[in-house]
Amino acid sequence: MGAGSKHVAGRVSSTPKQPLVRAVADLLAAFEEVGAAHMIIGGLAVIARGVVRHTDDADATVWASDVDVPGLLRALRSHGIVGRIPDVESFAAQSQVLLVVHQPSGVPMDVSLAWLPFERDALARAQIVSVEGVEIPMATAQDLIVYKAIAWRDRDRRDVEDLLRLHRSSIDLAYIRDRVAEFAEAVDEPERLGQLDAIVARVDSERDA
């Protein structure tokens, strides 16, 4: 996939103070152990892109063809990360998401198993951001907008708007619309693209005011 060392988290140069960052450091260590391309895609990545907000959990994605789920779960357990539901492996087989928790800190984490071409390309574009001495591969602002437009909860819509306000001039809106349109067609939600366009129009009107 051409991920190379870009997706290998750097060493922790100091002991992270925040429980969330400690949990992410252990998560990245487990990903390193199995050698899978990976990145953070949730609230922590949004914050790293300049949005002022709070998060108590971590969302990550890992390229699925690089991992054997039982092996990944073993690596996660070796770093204090265990399932937070009774049969995490069976749930992942159905949903392509591992629902886990970092036992030392109690931080919940969702690990998405990525298969789609968009996800492969997004992983290849991940950028390293240093947080409390931990080198964390993060999704770009542009790819975060796509991820958020797919999830589309209230929090995701706010994140999309905030990310657009900060990064509107540097993102490829046509690329974002194409990816969201593909998803909307796949799940038969044609209104999703119009909802995204309404947010873009609102942000653009603010910029032009």
Protein backbone atom coordinates (compact mmCIF):
# COMPACT_ATOMS: atom_id res chain seq x y z
CA MET A 1 0.00 0.00 0.00
CA GLY A 2 3.01 2.28 0.20
CA ALA A 3 2.42 3.25 3.82
CA GLY A 4 6.05 2.72 4.73
CA SER A 5 7.34 4.26 7.92
CA LYS A 6 4.88 7.11 7.62
CA HIS A 7 2.40 5.08 9.64
CA VAL A 8 4.78 3.76 12.26
CA ALA A 9 4.29 5.72 15.44
CA GLY A 10 7.43 7.24 16.88
CA ARG A 11 8.80 6.43 20.29
CA VAL A 12 7.33 8.09 23.33
CA SER A 13 9.88 10.67 24.43
CA SER A 14 8.20 11.39 27.75
CA THR A 15 5.45 9.89 29.85
CA PRO A 16 2.12 11.23 28.55
CA LYS A 17 0.10 13.00 31.21
CA GLN A 18 -3.40 12.77 29.79
CA PRO A 19 -5.12 9.38 30.12
CA LEU A 20 -6.34 9.72 26.53
CA VAL A 21 -2.83 10.18 25.18
CA ARG A 22 -1.52 7.29 27.30
CA ALA A 23 -4.27 5.10 25.87
CA VAL A 24 -3.49 6.15 22.30
CA ALA A 25 0.22 5.47 22.86
CA ASP A 26 -0.60 1.89 23.89
CA LEU A 27 -2.97 1.53 20.93
CA LEU A 28 -0.25 2.64 18.52
CA ALA A 29 2.21 0.22 20.12
CA ALA A 30 -0.21 -2.64 19.44
CA PHE A 31 -0.58 -1.53 15.81
CA GLU A 32 3.20 -1.43 15.48
CA GLU A 33 3.38 -4.93 16.86
CA VAL A 34 1.16 -6.32 14.10
CA GLY A 35 2.67 -4.09 11.41
CA ALA A 36 -0.60 -2.62 10.15
CA ALA A 37 -1.11 0.79 8.56
CA HIS A 38 -3.16 2.88 10.96
CA MET A 39 -4.20 6.36 12.04
CA ILE A 40 -6.43 8.27 14.46
CA ILE A 41 -9.68 9.55 12.94
CA GLY A 42 -11.84 10.72 15.84
CA GLY A 43 -12.05 13.72 18.14
CA LEU A 44 -8.34 13.76 18.91
CA ALA A 45 -7.59 14.14 15.19
CA VAL A 46 -10.18 16.92 14.91
CA ILE A 47 -8.53 18.73 17.81
CA ALA A 48 -5.13 18.26 16.16
CA ARG A 49 -6.54 20.05 13.11
CA GLY A 50 -7.28 23.14 15.20
CA VAL A 51 -10.87 22.62 16.37
CA VAL A 52 -11.41 23.58 20.00
CA ARG A 53 -13.48 20.83 21.57
CA HIS A 54 -13.24 17.98 24.09
CA THR A 55 -13.05 14.24 23.69
CA ASP A 56 -12.83 11.37 26.16
CA ASP A 57 -12.42 8.51 23.69
CA ALA A 58 -10.29 7.52 20.72
CA ASP A 59 -11.30 6.41 17.24
CA ALA A 60 -8.74 4.74 15.02
CA THR A 61 -8.67 2.86 11.75
CA VAL A 62 -6.37 0.08 10.60
CA TRP A 63 -5.96 -1.40 7.12
CA ALA A 64 -7.81 -4.70 7.43
CA SER A 65 -5.82 -6.72 4.93
CA ASP A 66 -2.72 -6.10 7.07
CA VAL A 67 -4.22 -7.74 10.16
CA ASP A 68 -5.58 -10.98 11.49
CA VAL A 69 -8.27 -9.96 13.98
CA PRO A 70 -7.42 -12.59 16.64
CA GLY A 71 -3.76 -11.58 16.33
CA LEU A 72 -4.65 -7.89 16.62
CA LEU A 73 -6.75 -8.60 19.70
CA ARG A 74 -3.81 -10.44 21.27
CA ALA A 75 -1.53 -7.49 20.55
CA LEU A 76 -4.09 -5.09 22.01
CA ARG A 77 -4.40 -7.21 25.17
CA SER A 78 -0.63 -7.17 25.59
CA HIS A 79 -0.89 -3.38 25.83
CA GLY A 80 -3.80 -3.31 28.28
CA ILE A 81 -6.57 -2.95 25.68
CA VAL A 82 -9.46 -5.42 25.85
CA GLY A 83 -12.95 -5.81 24.44
CA ARG A 84 -15.65 -3.75 26.08
CA ILE A 85 -18.47 -6.04 24.93
CA PRO A 86 -18.79 -9.81 25.56
CA ASP A 87 -17.83 -11.05 22.07
CA VAL A 88 -15.77 -8.32 20.50
CA GLU A 89 -14.46 -10.56 17.71
CA SER A 90 -17.90 -11.67 16.49
CA PHE A 91 -19.16 -8.08 16.58
CA ALA A 92 -16.15 -6.99 14.52
CA ALA A 93 -16.88 -9.69 11.93
CA GLN A 94 -20.36 -8.18 11.47
CA SER A 95 -19.63 -4.47 11.84
CA GLN A 96 -15.91 -4.15 10.96
CA VAL A 97 -15.38 -2.28 14.23
CA LEU A 98 -13.51 -3.46 17.32
CA LEU A 99 -15.08 -2.01 20.48
CA VAL A 100 -12.29 -1.96 23.04
CA VAL A 101 -11.23 -0.15 26.20
CA HIS A 102 -7.82 0.77 27.59
CA GLN A 103 -7.96 -0.84 31.02
CA PRO A 104 -5.33 1.30 32.80
CA SER A 105 -7.13 4.54 31.94
CA GLY A 106 -10.69 3.43 31.19
CA VAL A 107 -10.57 5.22 27.82
CA PRO A 108 -12.99 3.60 25.31
CA MET A 109 -11.71 3.13 21.77
CA ASP A 110 -13.32 2.15 18.45
CA VAL A 111 -10.98 0.55 15.93
CA SER A 112 -12.43 0.45 12.41
CA LEU A 113 -11.21 -2.23 10.03
CA ALA A 114 -10.63 -0.39 6.75
CA TRP A 115 -11.27 -2.02 3.37
CA LEU A 116 -12.47 0.72 1.02
CA PRO A 117 -10.24 2.45 -1.56
CA PHE A 118 -10.98 5.80 0.11
CA GLU A 119 -9.78 4.42 3.44
CA ARG A 120 -6.63 3.01 1.86
CA ASP A 121 -5.86 6.39 0.29
CA ALA A 122 -6.66 8.25 3.51
CA LEU A 123 -4.25 6.01 5.43
CA ALA A 124 -1.56 6.79 2.87
CA ARG A 125 -2.11 10.53 3.47
CA ALA A 126 -1.94 10.35 7.28
CA GLN A 127 0.29 12.95 8.89
CA ILE A 128 2.28 12.59 12.09
CA VAL A 129 1.31 14.96 14.90
CA SER A 130 3.25 15.03 18.17
CA VAL A 131 1.07 15.09 21.29
CA GLU A 132 2.82 15.05 24.67
CA GLY A 133 5.82 13.36 23.11
CA VAL A 134 3.76 10.70 21.33
CA GLU A 135 4.06 10.69 17.53
CA ILE A 136 0.50 10.02 16.36
CA PRO A 137 -0.55 9.41 12.73
CA MET A 138 -3.65 11.52 12.17
CA ALA A 139 -6.10 11.78 9.28
CA THR A 140 -5.85 14.98 7.24
CA ALA A 141 -8.51 17.65 7.66
CA GLN A 142 -9.90 16.79 4.22
CA ASP A 143 -10.24 13.10 5.01
CA LEU A 144 -11.67 13.83 8.45
CA ILE A 145 -14.47 15.77 6.76
CA VAL A 146 -15.29 12.70 4.66
CA TYR A 147 -15.24 10.40 7.69
CA LYS A 148 -17.44 12.80 9.62
CA ALA A 149 -19.85 13.28 6.71
CA ILE A 150 -20.26 9.51 6.59
CA ALA A 151 -20.90 9.10 10.33
CA TRP A 152 -23.11 12.24 10.41
CA ARG A 153 -24.16 12.37 14.04
CA ASP A 154 -24.79 15.79 15.60
CA ARG A 155 -21.19 15.93 16.82
CA ASP A 156 -19.92 14.94 13.37
CA ARG A 157 -21.90 17.69 11.66
CA ARG A 158 -20.45 20.26 14.07
CA ASP A 159 -16.96 18.90 13.39
CA VAL A 160 -17.50 19.18 9.63
CA GLU A 161 -18.56 22.80 9.98
CA ASP A 162 -15.64 23.67 12.27
CA LEU A 163 -13.12 21.89 10.04
CA LEU A 164 -14.49 23.70 6.99
CA ARG A 165 -14.17 27.05 8.74
CA LEU A 166 -10.52 26.35 9.46
CA HIS A 167 -9.48 24.54 6.28
CA ARG A 168 -11.91 25.61 3.52
CA SER A 169 -9.18 27.20 1.41
CA SER A 170 -6.88 24.17 1.50
CA ILE A 171 -9.26 21.26 0.90
CA ASP A 172 -10.48 19.68 -2.32
CA LEU A 173 -14.24 20.09 -1.96
CA ALA A 174 -14.93 18.20 -5.20
CA TYR A 175 -13.07 15.18 -3.82
CA ILE A 176 -15.04 15.33 -0.58
CA ARG A 177 -18.36 15.60 -2.42
CA ASP A 178 -17.49 12.66 -4.66
CA ARG A 179 -16.68 10.41 -1.70
CA VAL A 180 -19.79 11.46 0.22
CA ALA A 181 -21.94 11.00 -2.88
CA GLU A 182 -20.60 7.44 -3.29
CA PHE A 183 -21.49 6.65 0.31
CA ALA A 184 -24.91 8.30 0.07
CA GLU A 185 -25.73 6.21 -2.99
CA ALA A 186 -24.50 3.01 -1.32
CA VAL A 187 -26.74 3.50 1.73
CA ASP A 188 -29.63 5.08 -0.21
CA GLU A 189 -29.43 8.42 1.60
CA PRO A 190 -29.32 10.92 -1.29
CA GLU A 191 -30.10 13.78 1.10
CA ARG A 192 -26.68 13.42 2.75
CA LEU A 193 -24.87 15.31 -0.01
CA GLY A 194 -27.39 18.15 0.12
CA GLN A 195 -26.92 18.40 3.89
CA LEU A 196 -23.17 18.66 3.41
CA ASP A 197 -23.61 21.28 0.71
CA ALA A 198 -25.81 23.33 3.06
CA ILE A 199 -22.99 23.40 5.63
CA VAL A 200 -20.47 24.38 2.95
CA ALA A 201 -22.76 27.19 1.79
CA ARG A 202 -23.14 28.47 5.34
CA VAL A 203 -19.38 28.49 5.88
CA ASP A 204 -18.79 30.18 2.53
CA SER A 205 -21.36 32.86 3.32
CA GLU A 206 -19.56 33.60 6.57
CA ARG A 207 -16.28 33.93 4.71
CA ASP A 208 -17.80 36.31 2.18
CA ALA A 209 -19.55 38.47 4.78
